[in-house]
């Protein structure tokens, strides 16, 4: 059995479905790192503007949500490709 250490003090078989976005709504961290960073932000009273999403994995299985996610992925890929061509 293999255990993954995702943070300084936590060991688990699974990564939690947690996503942390910075105030500009850009990806910052996932899993235990996201929980730890957000906890630090709350402790330091610097969490304003940050967004933490938990336990959203099952929502992705619903058809309408899945369609929206794929649209966002496609739009992001188009933007990244366009920006890299300039």
PDB file of N, CA and C in Angstrom:
ATOM      1  N   UNK A   1       0.853  -1.178   0.000  1.00  0.00           N
ATOM      2  CA  UNK A   1       0.000   0.000   0.000  1.00  0.00           C
ATOM      3  C   UNK A   1       0.895   1.235   0.000  1.00  0.00           C
ATOM      4  N   UNK A   2       0.576   2.203  -0.825  1.00  0.00           N
ATOM      5  CA  UNK A   2       1.358   3.432  -0.933  1.00  0.00           C
ATOM      6  C   UNK A   2       0.570   4.611  -0.364  1.00  0.00           C
ATOM      7  N   UNK A   3       1.181   5.335   0.534  1.00  0.00           N
ATOM      8  CA  UNK A   3       0.551   6.519   1.120  1.00  0.00           C
ATOM      9  C   UNK A   3       1.243   7.756   0.581  1.00  0.00           C
ATOM     10  N   UNK A   4       0.464   8.722   0.170  1.00  0.00           N
ATOM     11  CA  UNK A   4       1.001   9.971  -0.355  1.00  0.00           C
ATOM     12  C   UNK A   4       0.969  11.035   0.727  1.00  0.00           C
ATOM     13  N   UNK A   5       2.074  11.709   0.928  1.00  0.00           N
ATOM     14  CA  UNK A   5       2.114  12.823   1.870  1.00  0.00           C
ATOM     15  C   UNK A   5       1.912  14.102   1.081  1.00  0.00           C
ATOM     16  N   UNK A   6       0.768  14.753   1.272  1.00  0.00           N
ATOM     17  CA  UNK A   6       0.413  15.940   0.499  1.00  0.00           C
ATOM     18  C   UNK A   6       0.739  17.226   1.229  1.00  0.00           C
ATOM     19  N   UNK A   7       0.906  17.190   2.492  1.00  0.00           N
ATOM     20  CA  UNK A   7       1.209  18.381   3.268  1.00  0.00           C
ATOM     21  C   UNK A   7       2.190  17.977   4.364  1.00  0.00           C
ATOM     22  N   UNK A   8       2.619  18.939   5.119  1.00  0.00           N
ATOM     23  CA  UNK A   8       3.628  18.683   6.129  1.00  0.00           C
ATOM     24  C   UNK A   8       3.190  17.643   7.159  1.00  0.00           C
ATOM     25  N   UNK A   9       1.924  17.657   7.536  1.00  0.00           N
ATOM     26  CA  UNK A   9       1.484  16.819   8.641  1.00  0.00           C
ATOM     27  C   UNK A   9       0.435  15.777   8.266  1.00  0.00           C
ATOM     28  N   UNK A  10      -0.003  15.727   7.026  1.00  0.00           N
ATOM     29  CA  UNK A  10      -1.098  14.839   6.649  1.00  0.00           C
ATOM     30  C   UNK A  10      -0.623  13.725   5.727  1.00  0.00           C
ATOM     31  N   UNK A  11      -1.120  12.530   5.967  1.00  0.00           N
ATOM     32  CA  UNK A  11      -0.844  11.391   5.094  1.00  0.00           C
ATOM     33  C   UNK A  11      -2.184  10.742   4.782  1.00  0.00           C
ATOM     34  N   UNK A  12      -2.434  10.471   3.504  1.00  0.00           N
ATOM     35  CA  UNK A  12      -3.725   9.922   3.115  1.00  0.00           C
ATOM     36  C   UNK A  12      -3.586   9.106   1.842  1.00  0.00           C
ATOM     37  N   UNK A  13      -4.573   8.245   1.626  1.00  0.00           N
ATOM     38  CA  UNK A  13      -4.639   7.486   0.383  1.00  0.00           C
ATOM     39  C   UNK A  13      -5.270   8.286  -0.745  1.00  0.00           C
ATOM     40  N   UNK A  14      -6.046   9.305  -0.398  1.00  0.00           N
ATOM     41  CA  UNK A  14      -6.767  10.091  -1.397  1.00  0.00           C
ATOM     42  C   UNK A  14      -6.513  11.580  -1.201  1.00  0.00           C
ATOM     43  N   UNK A  15      -6.461  12.285  -2.311  1.00  0.00           N
ATOM     44  CA  UNK A  15      -6.381  13.739  -2.269  1.00  0.00           C
ATOM     45  C   UNK A  15      -7.793  14.287  -2.185  1.00  0.00           C
ATOM     46  N   UNK A  16      -8.057  15.206  -1.257  1.00  0.00           N
ATOM     47  CA  UNK A  16      -9.410  15.767  -1.193  1.00  0.00           C
ATOM     48  C   UNK A  16      -9.689  16.649  -2.411  1.00  0.00           C
ATOM     49  N   UNK A  17     -10.941  16.711  -2.793  1.00  0.00           N
ATOM     50  CA  UNK A  17     -11.341  17.553  -3.915  1.00  0.00           C
ATOM     51  C   UNK A  17     -11.532  18.975  -3.405  1.00  0.00           C
ATOM     52  N   UNK A  18     -10.427  19.696  -3.374  1.00  0.00           N
ATOM     53  CA  UNK A  18     -10.410  21.073  -2.877  1.00  0.00           C
ATOM     54  C   UNK A  18      -9.587  21.898  -3.857  1.00  0.00           C
ATOM     55  N   UNK A  19     -10.138  23.023  -4.278  1.00  0.00           N
ATOM     56  CA  UNK A  19      -9.488  23.908  -5.239  1.00  0.00           C
ATOM     57  C   UNK A  19      -9.405  25.305  -4.646  1.00  0.00           C
ATOM     58  N   UNK A  20      -8.225  25.924  -4.701  1.00  0.00           N
ATOM     59  CA  UNK A  20      -8.037  27.280  -4.191  1.00  0.00           C
ATOM     60  C   UNK A  20      -7.670  28.201  -5.342  1.00  0.00           C
ATOM     61  N   UNK A  21      -8.437  29.284  -5.474  1.00  0.00           N
ATOM     62  CA  UNK A  21      -8.169  30.307  -6.484  1.00  0.00           C
ATOM     63  C   UNK A  21      -7.725  31.579  -5.782  1.00  0.00           C
ATOM     64  N   UNK A  22      -6.772  32.277  -6.382  1.00  0.00           N
ATOM     65  CA  UNK A  22      -6.301  33.537  -5.794  1.00  0.00           C
ATOM     66  C   UNK A  22      -7.300  34.659  -6.076  1.00  0.00           C
ATOM     67  N   UNK A  23      -7.065  35.862  -5.570  1.00  0.00           N
ATOM     68  CA  UNK A  23      -8.029  36.952  -5.783  1.00  0.00           C
ATOM     69  C   UNK A  23      -8.277  37.297  -7.253  1.00  0.00           C
ATOM     70  N   UNK A  24      -7.334  36.955  -8.135  1.00  0.00           N
ATOM     71  CA  UNK A  24      -7.519  37.181  -9.577  1.00  0.00           C
ATOM     72  C   UNK A  24      -8.246  36.018 -10.232  1.00  0.00           C
ATOM     73  N   UNK A  25      -8.708  35.060  -9.413  1.00  0.00           N
ATOM     74  CA  UNK A  25      -9.426  33.851  -9.843  1.00  0.00           C
ATOM     75  C   UNK A  25      -8.552  32.936 -10.690  1.00  0.00           C
ATOM     76  N   UNK A  26      -7.257  32.935 -10.402  1.00  0.00           N
ATOM     77  CA  UNK A  26      -6.322  32.027 -11.049  1.00  0.00           C
ATOM     78  C   UNK A  26      -6.025  30.874 -10.101  1.00  0.00           C
ATOM     79  N   UNK A  27      -5.749  29.718 -10.673  1.00  0.00           N
ATOM     80  CA  UNK A  27      -5.445  28.535  -9.882  1.00  0.00           C
ATOM     81  C   UNK A  27      -4.256  28.792  -8.971  1.00  0.00           C
ATOM     82  N   UNK A  28      -4.387  28.398  -7.699  1.00  0.00           N
ATOM     83  CA  UNK A  28      -3.271  28.520  -6.763  1.00  0.00           C
ATOM     84  C   UNK A  28      -2.848  27.160  -6.217  1.00  0.00           C
ATOM     85  N   UNK A  29      -3.815  26.330  -5.798  1.00  0.00           N
ATOM     86  CA  UNK A  29      -3.450  25.041  -5.206  1.00  0.00           C
ATOM     87  C   UNK A  29      -4.626  24.080  -5.276  1.00  0.00           C
ATOM     88  N   UNK A  30      -4.308  22.800  -5.101  1.00  0.00           N
ATOM     89  CA  UNK A  30      -5.320  21.748  -5.101  1.00  0.00           C
ATOM     90  C   UNK A  30      -5.043  20.791  -3.953  1.00  0.00           C
ATOM     91  N   UNK A  31      -6.089  20.193  -3.413  1.00  0.00           N
ATOM     92  CA  UNK A  31      -5.941  19.165  -2.383  1.00  0.00           C
ATOM     93  C   UNK A  31      -5.528  19.721  -1.043  1.00  0.00           C
ATOM     94  N   UNK A  32      -4.648  18.960  -0.380  1.00  0.00           N
ATOM     95  CA  UNK A  32      -4.218  19.370   0.954  1.00  0.00           C
ATOM     96  C   UNK A  32      -3.473  20.706   0.941  1.00  0.00           C
ATOM     97  N   UNK A  33      -2.722  20.973  -0.134  1.00  0.00           N
ATOM     98  CA  UNK A  33      -2.015  22.249  -0.226  1.00  0.00           C
ATOM     99  C   UNK A  33      -2.995  23.418  -0.229  1.00  0.00           C
ATOM    100  N   UNK A  34      -4.123  23.233  -0.915  1.00  0.00           N
ATOM    101  CA  UNK A  34      -5.151  24.276  -0.959  1.00  0.00           C
ATOM    102  C   UNK A  34      -5.749  24.499   0.430  1.00  0.00           C
ATOM    103  N   UNK A  35      -6.051  23.416   1.132  1.00  0.00           N
ATOM    104  CA  UNK A  35      -6.609  23.551   2.482  1.00  0.00           C
ATOM    105  C   UNK A  35      -5.623  24.229   3.426  1.00  0.00           C
ATOM    106  N   UNK A  36      -4.362  23.826   3.337  1.00  0.00           N
ATOM    107  CA  UNK A  36      -3.339  24.395   4.222  1.00  0.00           C
ATOM    108  C   UNK A  36      -3.116  25.886   3.936  1.00  0.00           C
ATOM    109  N   UNK A  37      -3.022  26.242   2.659  1.00  0.00           N
ATOM    110  CA  UNK A  37      -2.811  27.643   2.291  1.00  0.00           C
ATOM    111  C   UNK A  37      -3.992  28.500   2.744  1.00  0.00           C
ATOM    112  N   UNK A  38      -5.213  28.011   2.517  1.00  0.00           N
ATOM    113  CA  UNK A  38      -6.393  28.784   2.903  1.00  0.00           C
ATOM    114  C   UNK A  38      -6.476  28.926   4.424  1.00  0.00           C
ATOM    115  N   UNK A  39      -6.118  27.891   5.128  1.00  0.00           N
ATOM    116  CA  UNK A  39      -6.084  27.963   6.589  1.00  0.00           C
ATOM    117  C   UNK A  39      -5.086  29.020   7.053  1.00  0.00           C
ATOM    118  N   UNK A  40      -3.922  29.052   6.421  1.00  0.00           N
ATOM    119  CA  UNK A  40      -2.924  30.081   6.752  1.00  0.00           C
ATOM    120  C   UNK A  40      -3.452  31.481   6.455  1.00  0.00           C
ATOM    121  N   UNK A  41      -4.143  31.630   5.319  1.00  0.00           N
ATOM    122  CA  UNK A  41      -4.717  32.930   4.960  1.00  0.00           C
ATOM    123  C   UNK A  41      -5.750  33.373   5.988  1.00  0.00           C
ATOM    124  N   UNK A  42      -6.590  32.436   6.437  1.00  0.00           N
ATOM    125  CA  UNK A  42      -7.595  32.767   7.446  1.00  0.00           C
ATOM    126  C   UNK A  42      -6.935  33.167   8.763  1.00  0.00           C
ATOM    127  N   UNK A  43      -5.910  32.429   9.154  1.00  0.00           N
ATOM    128  CA  UNK A  43      -5.203  32.719  10.397  1.00  0.00           C
ATOM    129  C   UNK A  43      -4.581  34.111  10.357  1.00  0.00           C
ATOM    130  N   UNK A  44      -4.011  34.463   9.204  1.00  0.00           N
ATOM    131  CA  UNK A  44      -3.362  35.770   9.049  1.00  0.00           C
ATOM    132  C   UNK A  44      -4.341  36.866   8.646  1.00  0.00           C
ATOM    133  N   UNK A  45      -5.632  36.526   8.569  1.00  0.00           N
ATOM    134  CA  UNK A  45      -6.692  37.456   8.164  1.00  0.00           C
ATOM    135  C   UNK A  45      -6.411  38.072   6.799  1.00  0.00           C
ATOM    136  N   UNK A  46      -5.962  37.226   5.858  1.00  0.00           N
ATOM    137  CA  UNK A  46      -5.654  37.667   4.495  1.00  0.00           C
ATOM    138  C   UNK A  46      -6.463  36.904   3.445  1.00  0.00           C
ATOM    139  N   UNK A  47      -7.567  36.308   3.857  1.00  0.00           N
ATOM    140  CA  UNK A  47      -8.338  35.448   2.953  1.00  0.00           C
ATOM    141  C   UNK A  47      -9.312  36.210   2.055  1.00  0.00           C
ATOM    142  N   UNK A  48      -9.447  37.511   2.235  1.00  0.00           N
ATOM    143  CA  UNK A  48     -10.382  38.277   1.399  1.00  0.00           C
ATOM    144  C   UNK A  48     -10.035  38.147  -0.074  1.00  0.00           C
ATOM    145  N   UNK A  49     -11.022  37.783  -0.865  1.00  0.00           N
ATOM    146  CA  UNK A  49     -10.832  37.668  -2.305  1.00  0.00           C
ATOM    147  C   UNK A  49     -10.439  36.275  -2.769  1.00  0.00           C
ATOM    148  N   UNK A  50      -9.901  35.453  -1.887  1.00  0.00           N
ATOM    149  CA  UNK A  50      -9.539  34.085  -2.252  1.00  0.00           C
ATOM    150  C   UNK A  50     -10.799  33.238  -2.309  1.00  0.00           C
ATOM    151  N   UNK A  51     -10.797  32.189  -3.127  1.00  0.00           N
ATOM    152  CA  UNK A  51     -11.969  31.312  -3.257  1.00  0.00           C
ATOM    153  C   UNK A  51     -11.544  29.861  -3.052  1.00  0.00           C
ATOM    154  N   UNK A  52     -12.209  29.192  -2.116  1.00  0.00           N
ATOM    155  CA  UNK A  52     -11.939  27.790  -1.836  1.00  0.00           C
ATOM    156  C   UNK A  52     -13.182  26.980  -2.175  1.00  0.00           C
ATOM    157  N   UNK A  53     -13.017  25.952  -2.995  1.00  0.00           N
ATOM    158  CA  UNK A  53     -14.125  25.082  -3.392  1.00  0.00           C
ATOM    159  C   UNK A  53     -13.831  23.680  -2.872  1.00  0.00           C
ATOM    160  N   UNK A  54     -14.813  23.087  -2.171  1.00  0.00           N
ATOM    161  CA  UNK A  54     -14.656  21.752  -1.597  1.00  0.00           C
ATOM    162  C   UNK A  54     -15.725  20.808  -2.128  1.00  0.00           C
ATOM    163  N   UNK A  55     -15.346  19.552  -2.252  1.00  0.00           N
ATOM    164  CA  UNK A  55     -16.273  18.457  -2.562  1.00  0.00           C
ATOM    165  C   UNK A  55     -17.154  18.737  -3.788  1.00  0.00           C
ATOM    166  N   UNK A  56     -16.529  19.156  -4.865  1.00  0.00           N
ATOM    167  CA  UNK A  56     -17.283  19.487  -6.076  1.00  0.00           C
ATOM    168  C   UNK A  56     -17.222  18.377  -7.122  1.00  0.00           C
ATOM    169  N   UNK A  57     -16.459  17.337  -6.849  1.00  0.00           N
ATOM    170  CA  UNK A  57     -16.235  16.287  -7.849  1.00  0.00           C
ATOM    171  C   UNK A  57     -17.527  15.646  -8.337  1.00  0.00           C
ATOM    172  N   UNK A  58     -18.428  15.306  -7.441  1.00  0.00           N
ATOM    173  CA  UNK A  58     -19.662  14.630  -7.851  1.00  0.00           C
ATOM    174  C   UNK A  58     -20.559  15.546  -8.692  1.00  0.00           C
ATOM    175  N   UNK A  59     -20.473  16.842  -8.475  1.00  0.00           N
ATOM    176  CA  UNK A  59     -21.265  17.778  -9.283  1.00  0.00           C
ATOM    177  C   UNK A  59     -20.843  17.726 -10.750  1.00  0.00           C
ATOM    178  N   UNK A  60     -19.598  17.345 -11.009  1.00  0.00           N
ATOM    179  CA  UNK A  60     -19.111  17.266 -12.386  1.00  0.00           C
ATOM    180  C   UNK A  60     -19.756  16.126 -13.163  1.00  0.00           C
ATOM    181  N   UNK A  61     -20.364  15.184 -12.468  1.00  0.00           N
ATOM    182  CA  UNK A  61     -21.023  14.062 -13.140  1.00  0.00           C
ATOM    183  C   UNK A  61     -22.387  14.444 -13.707  1.00  0.00           C
ATOM    184  N   UNK A  62     -22.960  15.536 -13.244  1.00  0.00           N
ATOM    185  CA  UNK A  62     -24.261  15.968 -13.754  1.00  0.00           C
ATOM    186  C   UNK A  62     -24.077  16.569 -15.144  1.00  0.00           C
ATOM    187  N   UNK A  63     -24.948  16.254 -16.041  1.00  0.00           N
ATOM    188  CA  UNK A  63     -24.804  16.610 -17.449  1.00  0.00           C
ATOM    189  C   UNK A  63     -24.628  18.108 -17.677  1.00  0.00           C
ATOM    190  N   UNK A  64     -25.465  18.927 -17.073  1.00  0.00           N
ATOM    191  CA  UNK A  64     -25.394  20.370 -17.321  1.00  0.00           C
ATOM    192  C   UNK A  64     -24.089  20.967 -16.805  1.00  0.00           C
ATOM    193  N   UNK A  65     -23.669  20.527 -15.652  1.00  0.00           N
ATOM    194  CA  UNK A  65     -22.409  21.024 -15.093  1.00  0.00           C
ATOM    195  C   UNK A  65     -21.250  20.565 -15.967  1.00  0.00           C
ATOM    196  N   UNK A  66     -21.293  19.312 -16.407  1.00  0.00           N
ATOM    197  CA  UNK A  66     -20.225  18.779 -17.252  1.00  0.00           C
ATOM    198  C   UNK A  66     -20.129  19.570 -18.560  1.00  0.00           C
ATOM    199  N   UNK A  67     -21.261  19.924 -19.142  1.00  0.00           N
ATOM    200  CA  UNK A  67     -21.248  20.724 -20.374  1.00  0.00           C
ATOM    201  C   UNK A  67     -20.603  22.081 -20.129  1.00  0.00           C
ATOM    202  N   UNK A  68     -20.945  22.700 -19.008  1.00  0.00           N
ATOM    203  CA  UNK A  68     -20.371  24.009 -18.670  1.00  0.00           C
ATOM    204  C   UNK A  68     -18.864  23.908 -18.466  1.00  0.00           C
ATOM    205  N   UNK A  69     -18.425  22.869 -17.758  1.00  0.00           N
ATOM    206  CA  UNK A  69     -16.993  22.681 -17.505  1.00  0.00           C
ATOM    207  C   UNK A  69     -16.246  22.511 -18.820  1.00  0.00           C
ATOM    208  N   UNK A  70     -16.778  21.696 -19.728  1.00  0.00           N
ATOM    209  CA  UNK A  70     -16.112  21.498 -21.010  1.00  0.00           C
ATOM    210  C   UNK A  70     -16.063  22.781 -21.832  1.00  0.00           C
ATOM    211  N   UNK A  71     -17.115  23.584 -21.765  1.00  0.00           N
ATOM    212  CA  UNK A  71     -17.089  24.873 -22.466  1.00  0.00           C
ATOM    213  C   UNK A  71     -15.980  25.753 -21.907  1.00  0.00           C
ATOM    214  N   UNK A  72     -15.837  25.766 -20.591  1.00  0.00           N
ATOM    215  CA  UNK A  72     -14.785  26.571 -19.970  1.00  0.00           C
ATOM    216  C   UNK A  72     -13.397  26.055 -20.345  1.00  0.00           C
ATOM    217  N   UNK A  73     -13.237  24.749 -20.389  1.00  0.00           N
ATOM    218  CA  UNK A  73     -11.949  24.157 -20.778  1.00  0.00           C
ATOM    219  C   UNK A  73     -11.615  24.537 -22.213  1.00  0.00           C
ATOM    220  N   UNK A  74     -12.583  24.433 -23.100  1.00  0.00           N
ATOM    221  CA  UNK A  74     -12.349  24.765 -24.509  1.00  0.00           C
ATOM    222  C   UNK A  74     -12.004  26.239 -24.673  1.00  0.00           C
ATOM    223  N   UNK A  75     -12.726  27.110 -24.007  1.00  0.00           N
ATOM    224  CA  UNK A  75     -12.447  28.547 -24.078  1.00  0.00           C
ATOM    225  C   UNK A  75     -11.043  28.842 -23.559  1.00  0.00           C
ATOM    226  N   UNK A  76     -10.668  28.209 -22.457  1.00  0.00           N
ATOM    227  CA  UNK A  76      -9.333  28.414 -21.896  1.00  0.00           C
ATOM    228  C   UNK A  76      -8.259  27.946 -22.860  1.00  0.00           C
ATOM    229  N   UNK A  77      -8.451  26.784 -23.478  1.00  0.00           N
ATOM    230  CA  UNK A  77      -7.470  26.278 -24.439  1.00  0.00           C
ATOM    231  C   UNK A  77      -7.339  27.207 -25.639  1.00  0.00           C
ATOM    232  N   UNK A  78      -8.450  27.739 -26.107  1.00  0.00           N
ATOM    233  CA  UNK A  78      -8.407  28.687 -27.233  1.00  0.00           C
ATOM    234  C   UNK A  78      -7.632  29.937 -26.848  1.00  0.00           C
ATOM    235  N   UNK A  79      -7.898  30.462 -25.652  1.00  0.00           N
ATOM    236  CA  UNK A  79      -7.188  31.663 -25.204  1.00  0.00           C
ATOM    237  C   UNK A  79      -5.694  31.416 -25.058  1.00  0.00           C
ATOM    238  N   UNK A  80      -5.324  30.289 -24.475  1.00  0.00           N
ATOM    239  CA  UNK A  80      -3.909  29.963 -24.282  1.00  0.00           C
ATOM    240  C   UNK A  80      -3.219  29.799 -25.617  1.00  0.00           C
ATOM    241  N   UNK A  81      -3.871  29.106 -26.555  1.00  0.00           N
ATOM    242  CA  UNK A  81      -3.296  28.917 -27.891  1.00  0.00           C
ATOM    243  C   UNK A  81      -3.146  30.248 -28.616  1.00  0.00           C
ATOM    244  N   UNK A  82      -4.176  31.090 -28.535  1.00  0.00           N
ATOM    245  CA  UNK A  82      -4.122  32.394 -29.209  1.00  0.00           C
ATOM    246  C   UNK A  82      -3.001  33.254 -28.637  1.00  0.00           C
ATOM    247  N   UNK A  83      -2.886  33.289 -27.319  1.00  0.00           N
ATOM    248  CA  UNK A  83      -1.852  34.112 -26.675  1.00  0.00           C
ATOM    249  C   UNK A  83      -0.448  33.625 -27.011  1.00  0.00           C
ATOM    250  N   UNK A  84      -0.272  32.316 -27.149  1.00  0.00           N
ATOM    251  CA  UNK A  84       1.047  31.780 -27.457  1.00  0.00           C
ATOM    252  C   UNK A  84       1.434  32.043 -28.921  1.00  0.00           C
ATOM    253  N   UNK A  85       0.450  32.288 -29.777  1.00  0.00           N
ATOM    254  CA  UNK A  85       0.746  32.569 -31.182  1.00  0.00           C
ATOM    255  C   UNK A  85       1.126  34.012 -31.417  1.00  0.00           C
ATOM    256  N   UNK A  86       0.806  34.870 -30.485  1.00  0.00           N
ATOM    257  CA  UNK A  86       1.115  36.295 -30.688  1.00  0.00           C
ATOM    258  C   UNK A  86       2.566  36.595 -30.424  1.00  0.00           C
TER     259      UNK A  86
END
